[in-house]
Amino acid sequence: MAIIDVVKFKGGKNALVWKHPVNDLSWGTQVIVHQSQEAIFFKGGQALDVLGPGTHTLRTSNLPILRRIVSIPFGGETPFAAEVYYVNKATKMDVKWGTKTPIPILDPRYNIFLPVRAFGQFGIKVQDARKFVVQLSGTMDEFTVDTMTDYFRGVILTKAKDYIAETIIKKKINMLEITAHLEEISTALHQKIQKDFSQYGISLVNFYLNSVNVPDDDPTVKRLKKALSDKAEMDILGDNAYRTKRTFDTMEKAAGNQGTMGGGMGLGMGLGAGAQMGGMMSGMMGGMMTQQAKKPAPTQITRCTSKKCKADVPATAKFCPECGSTVMAPTTKCPGCKGDIAAGAKFCEHCGKKVGTHACPKCNTPMAGAAKFCGNCGHKSG
């Protein structure tokens, strides 16, 4: 293979380590290293010299370790074999992680196992290129972010699952309320996982737990949400109103079952619900009757004193609403002071003189001695 004059990075944008395909070099070859990259020279399986960003011409002065290994019999641009690995040291902030299958965790408040899923992202940066290549990527031609994530997925998920479960149980956090604790859990997990990355020359820039949730289609989750919804509705409506609503719902469902194979069962439920509603309606009617009994008695009725009218009028009315006649009790003159007094009165309300009485010849109602007409039937006296 011909000796090349220029070595430069041609790996993918997602590559953390990329091995140059040609290893036939010579003193005088140019090596181009981009910003946020480093080039590591390997020979005989050993990591030797490291070049930072810039354009470098290979000389014995800038590759002192390699120079000691490579024999230079003629001192010129002698060809030699060495492997060049480019390491991308730029920060990667969008590395995703998540649980492939839900984690069963016992909810401390409701004492049931819920299938929990966790998702998030983290940022990494290769801090020590030599350690990273030697201990992690090895002799792979290309080592990508996805490959690194696969390597650390087990560590991340194990520690994330353990800490999430521990936090939920110790702090008695309801799974449906755990969102408020995401930042706290993220900070703790960052500290726990950082050590696992640093031993491979990687700096864990940040670690985020973006979501902890449960599958909406899981039967256990559905039952829990239904129970919480019913409890909230009961708290809002009150016990009595909630029971009434549930009874109506049951009757409606039972009515909807008619005409199907479950019609008999629906009918039975309907009859049971109907009996219950009958009891409730009976109680309601009894309450209404009790309230009705407490109402004041209706206004008393009397008859118009006009002989031609005789219409029913309220006892407190002064005039008949049909003919306009006066309906007040007839009056008579006091024999003492000559003042007007009610017919049938025993004493004058003006002077206190006792007024004699006699019976009406028609209806036998007591009348004042001076009364000309009976206060009950209107019969003319004498």
Protein backbone atom coordinates (compact mmCIF):
# COMPACT_ATOMS: atom_id res chain seq x y z
CA MET A 1 0.00 0.00 0.00
CA ALA A 2 1.26 3.45 -0.92
CA ILE A 3 2.36 5.78 1.81
CA ILE A 4 -0.14 8.61 2.25
CA ASP A 5 0.79 12.24 2.71
CA VAL A 6 -2.29 13.53 4.60
CA VAL A 7 -4.28 11.94 7.42
CA LYS A 8 -7.60 13.51 8.44
CA PHE A 9 -10.90 12.59 10.09
CA LYS A 10 -13.60 11.10 7.83
CA GLY A 11 -15.86 9.46 10.38
CA GLY A 12 -19.57 10.05 10.97
CA LYS A 13 -20.99 12.96 12.97
CA ASN A 14 -22.14 10.56 15.68
CA ALA A 15 -18.68 8.96 16.08
CA LEU A 16 -16.80 9.27 19.34
CA VAL A 17 -13.78 7.28 18.08
CA TRP A 18 -12.80 6.73 14.45
CA LYS A 19 -9.82 4.71 13.27
CA HIS A 20 -8.04 5.90 10.12
CA PRO A 21 -8.12 3.01 7.60
CA VAL A 22 -4.47 3.44 6.49
CA ASN A 23 -1.57 2.78 8.84
CA ASP A 24 1.36 3.22 6.43
CA LEU A 25 2.87 6.52 7.49
CA SER A 26 6.15 8.25 7.18
CA TRP A 27 8.00 11.11 8.83
CA GLY A 28 6.73 14.20 7.05
CA THR A 29 3.08 13.06 6.70
CA GLN A 30 0.60 15.76 7.63
CA VAL A 31 -2.06 14.95 10.25
CA ILE A 32 -5.09 17.28 10.43
CA VAL A 33 -6.95 17.32 13.73
CA HIS A 34 -10.20 19.31 13.92
CA GLN A 35 -11.32 21.41 16.83
CA SER A 36 -12.59 19.33 19.82
CA GLN A 37 -10.62 16.32 18.51
CA GLU A 38 -7.48 14.48 19.45
CA ALA A 39 -5.43 11.98 17.42
CA ILE A 40 -3.84 9.07 19.26
CA PHE A 41 -1.04 7.00 17.71
CA PHE A 42 -0.96 3.29 18.45
CA LYS A 43 1.78 0.83 17.66
CA GLY A 44 2.08 -2.74 18.81
CA GLY A 45 -1.17 -2.39 20.74
CA GLN A 46 0.15 0.48 22.83
CA ALA A 47 -1.22 4.01 23.00
CA LEU A 48 1.71 6.34 22.35
CA ASP A 49 1.65 10.02 21.40
CA VAL A 50 -1.43 12.29 21.31
CA LEU A 51 -1.88 15.27 18.97
CA GLY A 52 -4.41 18.06 19.68
CA PRO A 53 -6.32 20.34 17.25
CA GLY A 54 -4.31 21.72 14.31
CA THR A 55 -2.28 20.61 11.28
CA HIS A 56 0.74 18.59 12.29
CA THR A 57 3.70 17.37 10.24
CA LEU A 58 4.95 14.13 11.69
CA ARG A 59 8.44 14.59 13.03
CA THR A 60 10.47 12.88 15.65
CA SER A 61 10.12 15.98 17.78
CA ASN A 62 6.33 15.93 18.09
CA LEU A 63 6.09 12.13 18.40
CA PRO A 64 8.88 11.39 20.87
CA ILE A 65 7.42 8.10 22.19
CA LEU A 66 6.82 6.77 18.71
CA ARG A 67 10.31 7.86 17.66
CA ARG A 68 11.89 5.61 20.27
CA ILE A 69 9.99 2.60 18.98
CA VAL A 70 10.39 3.19 15.25
CA SER A 71 13.91 2.60 13.99
CA ILE A 72 15.26 5.36 11.77
CA PRO A 73 18.27 3.88 9.98
CA PHE A 74 18.61 6.65 7.39
CA GLY A 75 17.24 9.62 9.38
CA GLY A 76 15.05 10.86 6.47
CA GLU A 77 11.35 10.42 5.72
CA THR A 78 11.45 6.80 6.67
CA PRO A 79 8.15 4.88 6.29
CA PHE A 80 6.68 3.22 9.35
CA ALA A 81 3.43 1.56 10.41
CA ALA A 82 1.21 3.11 13.08
CA GLU A 83 -2.52 3.28 13.77
CA VAL A 84 -4.22 6.65 14.15
CA TYR A 85 -7.43 6.94 16.23
CA TYR A 86 -9.42 10.16 16.17
CA VAL A 87 -11.34 10.90 19.38
CA ASN A 88 -14.25 13.36 19.34
CA LYS A 89 -14.17 15.37 22.57
CA ALA A 90 -17.13 17.59 21.80
CA THR A 91 -19.96 17.49 24.34
CA LYS A 92 -22.96 15.36 23.38
CA MET A 93 -26.03 16.73 25.12
CA ASP A 94 -28.88 14.71 23.60
CA VAL A 95 -28.10 11.14 24.59
CA LYS A 96 -31.44 9.41 25.27
CA TRP A 97 -32.14 6.65 27.76
CA GLY A 98 -35.27 4.82 28.89
CA THR A 99 -36.74 1.60 30.17
CA LYS A 100 -37.71 -0.88 27.47
CA THR A 101 -40.20 -2.65 29.74
CA PRO A 102 -42.13 -1.26 32.74
CA ILE A 103 -40.72 -1.74 36.24
CA PRO A 104 -43.16 -3.17 38.84
CA ILE A 105 -43.07 -0.86 41.87
CA LEU A 106 -45.30 -1.04 44.93
CA ASP A 107 -47.20 2.21 45.34
CA PRO A 108 -46.93 3.13 49.04
CA ARG A 109 -50.24 4.97 49.21
CA TYR A 110 -52.52 2.49 47.45
CA ASN A 111 -50.46 -0.64 48.23
CA ILE A 112 -50.67 -2.03 44.69
CA PHE A 113 -47.96 -2.83 42.16
CA LEU A 114 -47.84 -0.39 39.26
CA PRO A 115 -45.85 -0.83 36.03
CA VAL A 116 -43.51 2.18 35.99
CA ARG A 117 -41.60 3.52 32.99
CA ALA A 118 -38.77 6.05 33.14
CA PHE A 119 -37.29 8.20 30.35
CA GLY A 120 -34.69 10.91 30.14
CA GLN A 121 -31.49 12.15 28.55
CA PHE A 122 -27.93 12.97 29.55
CA GLY A 123 -24.86 14.74 28.23
CA ILE A 124 -21.34 13.30 27.99
CA LYS A 125 -17.88 14.47 27.03
CA VAL A 126 -14.70 12.44 26.52
CA GLN A 127 -12.38 13.83 29.16
CA ASP A 128 -9.41 11.47 28.79
CA ALA A 129 -9.01 10.31 25.18
CA ARG A 130 -6.28 7.80 25.92
CA LYS A 131 -8.21 6.11 28.73
CA PHE A 132 -11.41 6.14 26.68
CA VAL A 133 -9.85 4.33 23.71
CA VAL A 134 -7.79 1.87 25.74
CA GLN A 135 -10.54 0.87 28.22
CA LEU A 136 -13.71 1.21 26.17
CA SER A 137 -13.56 1.46 22.39
CA GLY A 138 -10.50 -0.80 21.97
CA THR A 139 -9.67 -1.70 18.39
CA MET A 140 -13.10 -0.95 16.94
CA ASP A 141 -12.96 0.95 13.65
CA GLU A 142 -15.74 3.27 14.84
CA PHE A 143 -17.25 3.77 18.26
CA THR A 144 -20.47 5.83 18.21
CA VAL A 145 -22.67 7.47 20.83
CA ASP A 146 -25.24 4.72 20.33
CA THR A 147 -22.61 2.07 20.99
CA MET A 148 -21.58 3.85 24.18
CA THR A 149 -25.23 4.12 25.29
CA ASP A 150 -25.63 0.37 24.81
CA TYR A 151 -22.55 -0.18 26.98
CA PHE A 152 -23.91 1.95 29.82
CA ARG A 153 -27.64 1.15 29.51
CA GLY A 154 -27.42 -1.61 32.08
CA VAL A 155 -25.69 0.63 34.61
CA ILE A 156 -28.09 3.52 34.02
CA LEU A 157 -31.27 1.45 34.21
CA THR A 158 -30.17 -0.54 37.24
CA LYS A 159 -29.27 2.52 39.29
CA ALA A 160 -32.23 4.54 37.99
CA LYS A 161 -34.74 1.79 38.82
CA ASP A 162 -33.27 1.16 42.25
CA TYR A 163 -33.18 4.84 43.21
CA ILE A 164 -36.66 5.62 41.85
CA ALA A 165 -38.16 2.67 43.77
CA GLU A 166 -36.22 3.63 46.90
CA THR A 167 -37.40 7.25 46.69
CA ILE A 168 -41.04 6.30 46.15
CA ILE A 169 -41.08 3.89 49.08
CA LYS A 170 -39.06 5.96 51.57
CA LYS A 171 -40.79 9.26 50.88
CA LYS A 172 -44.19 7.61 50.28
CA ILE A 173 -44.64 9.38 46.97
CA ASN A 174 -47.74 8.53 44.98
CA MET A 175 -46.86 7.47 41.45
CA LEU A 176 -49.40 9.92 40.05
CA GLU A 177 -47.62 12.77 41.90
CA ILE A 178 -43.98 11.88 41.25
CA THR A 179 -43.57 14.59 38.59
CA ALA A 180 -42.91 17.13 41.35
CA HIS A 181 -39.78 15.17 42.38
CA LEU A 182 -38.11 14.73 38.96
CA GLU A 183 -35.45 17.40 39.50
CA GLU A 184 -34.47 16.03 42.89
CA ILE A 185 -34.19 12.47 41.55
CA SER A 186 -32.23 13.64 38.48
CA THR A 187 -29.60 15.36 40.65
CA ALA A 188 -29.16 12.28 42.83
CA LEU A 189 -28.85 9.93 39.85
CA HIS A 190 -26.29 12.22 38.22
CA GLN A 191 -24.04 11.86 41.24
CA LYS A 192 -24.53 8.10 41.45
CA ILE A 193 -23.82 7.37 37.77
CA GLN A 194 -20.93 9.84 37.31
CA LYS A 195 -18.39 7.42 38.83
CA ASP A 196 -19.29 4.68 36.36
CA PHE A 197 -18.51 6.99 33.43
CA SER A 198 -15.38 8.62 34.84
CA GLN A 199 -13.46 5.35 35.10
CA TYR A 200 -13.59 5.16 31.30
CA GLY A 201 -12.42 8.73 30.76
CA ILE A 202 -15.94 10.13 30.23
CA SER A 203 -17.40 13.12 32.01
CA LEU A 204 -21.14 12.93 32.66
CA VAL A 205 -22.05 16.57 31.98
CA ASN A 206 -25.66 16.24 33.13
CA PHE A 207 -28.35 13.66 33.72
CA TYR A 208 -32.09 14.26 33.46
CA LEU A 209 -35.09 12.15 34.41
CA ASN A 210 -37.69 13.68 32.11
CA SER A 211 -40.63 11.41 32.81
CA VAL A 212 -41.79 8.69 35.19
CA ASN A 213 -45.18 7.35 34.17
CA VAL A 214 -47.42 4.32 33.96
CA PRO A 215 -49.05 2.86 30.81
CA ASP A 216 -52.61 4.15 30.41
CA ASP A 217 -53.80 0.84 28.95
CA ASP A 218 -52.65 -1.28 31.90
CA PRO A 219 -55.67 -2.86 33.72
CA THR A 220 -54.33 -2.01 37.19
CA VAL A 221 -53.77 1.61 36.21
CA LYS A 222 -57.27 1.84 34.72
CA ARG A 223 -58.86 0.54 37.94
CA LEU A 224 -56.83 2.94 40.07
CA LYS A 225 -57.74 5.97 37.95
CA LYS A 226 -61.43 4.94 37.98
CA ALA A 227 -61.38 4.64 41.77
CA LEU A 228 -59.70 8.04 42.15
CA SER A 229 -62.21 9.59 39.73
CA ASP A 230 -65.16 8.14 41.69
CA LYS A 231 -63.71 9.38 44.98
CA ALA A 232 -63.22 12.88 43.59
CA GLU A 233 -66.81 12.90 42.29
CA MET A 234 -68.10 11.74 45.67
CA ASP A 235 -66.16 14.50 47.44
CA ILE A 236 -67.69 17.08 45.12
CA LEU A 237 -71.30 15.84 45.14
CA GLY A 238 -71.51 14.48 48.68
CA ASP A 239 -72.51 10.96 49.70
CA ASN A 240 -76.28 11.22 49.16
CA ALA A 241 -76.11 12.95 45.79
CA TYR A 242 -73.40 10.55 44.63
CA ARG A 243 -75.47 7.49 45.58
CA THR A 244 -78.47 8.92 43.77
CA LYS A 245 -76.42 9.51 40.64
CA ARG A 246 -74.97 5.99 40.78
CA THR A 247 -78.47 4.56 41.07
CA PHE A 248 -79.63 6.45 37.99
CA ASP A 249 -76.51 5.27 36.12
CA THR A 250 -77.27 1.66 37.05
CA MET A 251 -80.87 1.97 35.90
CA GLU A 252 -79.75 3.51 32.61
CA LYS A 253 -77.30 0.67 31.98
CA ALA A 254 -79.90 -1.92 32.89
CA ALA A 255 -82.36 -0.38 30.45
CA GLY A 256 -79.71 -0.49 27.75
CA ASN A 257 -79.26 -4.25 28.27
CA GLN A 258 -82.83 -5.13 27.25
CA GLY A 259 -83.14 -7.20 24.12
CA THR A 260 -79.73 -8.83 24.53
CA MET A 261 -78.64 -12.13 26.06
CA GLY A 262 -77.93 -10.18 29.21
CA GLY A 263 -81.44 -8.74 29.22
CA GLY A 264 -82.55 -10.91 32.15
CA MET A 265 -79.63 -9.80 34.21
CA GLY A 266 -80.20 -6.21 33.16
CA LEU A 267 -83.89 -6.55 34.05
CA GLY A 268 -82.99 -7.88 37.48
CA MET A 269 -80.61 -5.03 38.04
CA GLY A 270 -83.26 -2.65 36.80
CA LEU A 271 -85.87 -4.07 39.20
CA GLY A 272 -83.43 -3.87 42.09
CA ALA A 273 -82.54 -0.33 41.19
CA GLY A 274 -86.24 0.46 40.74
CA ALA A 275 -87.02 -0.88 44.20
CA GLN A 276 -84.24 1.21 45.61
CA MET A 277 -85.52 4.25 43.76
CA GLY A 278 -89.02 3.47 45.04
CA GLY A 279 -87.74 3.61 48.59
CA MET A 280 -85.92 6.82 47.85
CA MET A 281 -89.00 8.38 46.21
CA SER A 282 -91.14 7.25 49.16
CA GLY A 283 -88.77 8.98 51.51
CA MET A 284 -88.79 12.07 49.34
CA MET A 285 -92.63 12.13 49.21
CA GLY A 286 -92.82 11.61 52.96
CA GLY A 287 -90.53 14.55 53.41
CA MET A 288 -92.65 16.65 51.09
CA MET A 289 -95.83 15.73 53.03
CA THR A 290 -94.12 16.64 56.27
CA GLN A 291 -93.13 19.98 54.85
CA GLN A 292 -96.65 20.47 53.53
CA ALA A 293 -98.06 19.77 56.99
CA LYS A 294 -95.89 22.48 58.43
CA LYS A 295 -97.35 25.14 56.12
CA PRO A 296 -99.89 27.60 57.66
CA ALA A 297 -103.60 26.84 57.33
CA PRO A 298 -105.37 28.36 54.33
CA THR A 299 -107.29 31.62 54.68
CA GLN A 300 -110.86 31.21 56.17
CA ILE A 301 -113.77 31.85 53.83
CA THR A 302 -117.13 33.49 54.58
CA ARG A 303 -120.07 34.53 52.44
CA CYS A 304 -121.13 37.89 51.12
CA THR A 305 -123.93 39.41 53.26
CA SER A 306 -125.79 40.59 50.19
CA LYS A 307 -128.96 38.58 49.72
CA LYS A 308 -128.53 38.54 45.95
CA CYS A 309 -124.81 37.64 45.86
CA LYS A 310 -123.84 35.18 48.63
CA ALA A 311 -120.37 34.73 46.98
CA ASP A 312 -117.44 33.22 48.88
CA VAL A 313 -115.09 35.91 50.16
CA PRO A 314 -112.12 35.86 52.57
CA ALA A 315 -113.20 36.39 56.18
CA THR A 316 -110.87 39.37 56.44
CA ALA A 317 -112.27 41.15 53.37
CA LYS A 318 -114.22 44.36 53.86
CA PHE A 319 -115.94 44.28 50.47
CA CYS A 320 -117.25 41.46 48.29
CA PRO A 321 -115.05 40.91 45.17
CA GLU A 322 -118.20 39.91 43.19
CA CYS A 323 -120.79 42.60 43.95
CA GLY A 324 -118.87 45.19 45.93
CA SER A 325 -121.14 44.99 48.97
CA THR A 326 -119.80 45.58 52.44
CA VAL A 327 -119.01 42.27 54.10
CA MET A 328 -118.05 43.57 57.53
CA ALA A 329 -120.21 42.51 60.41
CA PRO A 330 -123.29 44.72 60.86
CA THR A 331 -123.12 47.44 63.44
CA THR A 332 -125.66 48.89 65.85
CA LYS A 333 -125.95 51.94 68.15
CA CYS A 334 -124.97 51.84 71.79
CA PRO A 335 -128.09 52.72 73.82
CA GLY A 336 -125.89 54.76 76.16
CA CYS A 337 -123.42 56.82 74.08
CA LYS A 338 -125.04 56.18 70.69
CA GLY A 339 -121.65 55.06 69.28
CA ASP A 340 -121.37 52.38 66.55
CA ILE A 341 -120.67 48.93 67.95
CA ALA A 342 -120.52 45.48 66.34
CA ALA A 343 -123.77 43.63 66.21
CA GLY A 344 -123.82 40.97 68.91
CA ALA A 345 -121.37 42.82 71.16
CA LYS A 346 -122.13 42.47 74.91
CA PHE A 347 -120.44 45.73 75.89
CA CYS A 348 -119.94 49.07 74.14
CA GLU A 349 -116.34 49.53 73.05
CA HIS A 350 -116.69 53.31 73.59
CA CYS A 351 -118.40 53.71 76.98
CA GLY A 352 -118.38 50.16 78.36
CA LYS A 353 -122.17 50.04 78.83
CA LYS A 354 -123.61 46.55 78.78
CA VAL A 355 -125.66 45.98 75.70
CA GLY A 356 -128.60 43.63 75.85
CA THR A 357 -128.83 40.71 73.43
CA HIS A 358 -131.57 38.60 71.92
CA ALA A 359 -131.69 35.64 69.53
CA CYS A 360 -132.25 36.09 65.81
CA PRO A 361 -135.71 34.76 65.04
CA LYS A 362 -134.39 33.05 61.89
CA CYS A 363 -130.98 31.53 62.74
CA ASN A 364 -131.07 31.90 66.55
CA THR A 365 -127.72 33.78 66.57
CA PRO A 366 -127.30 36.18 69.54
CA MET A 367 -127.89 39.83 68.50
CA ALA A 368 -127.39 43.17 70.24
CA GLY A 369 -130.57 44.62 71.61
CA ALA A 370 -130.40 47.62 69.24
CA ALA A 371 -129.33 45.64 66.17
CA LYS A 372 -131.64 45.96 63.18
CA PHE A 373 -130.18 43.03 61.19
CA CYS A 374 -128.73 39.67 62.21
CA GLY A 375 -124.91 39.57 61.84
CA ASN A 376 -125.07 35.92 60.72
CA CYS A 377 -127.96 35.63 58.27
CA GLY A 378 -128.87 39.29 57.65
CA HIS A 379 -132.48 38.82 58.84
CA LYS A 380 -134.20 42.09 59.81
CA SER A 381 -135.01 42.19 63.46
CA GLY A 382 -138.53 43.18 64.65
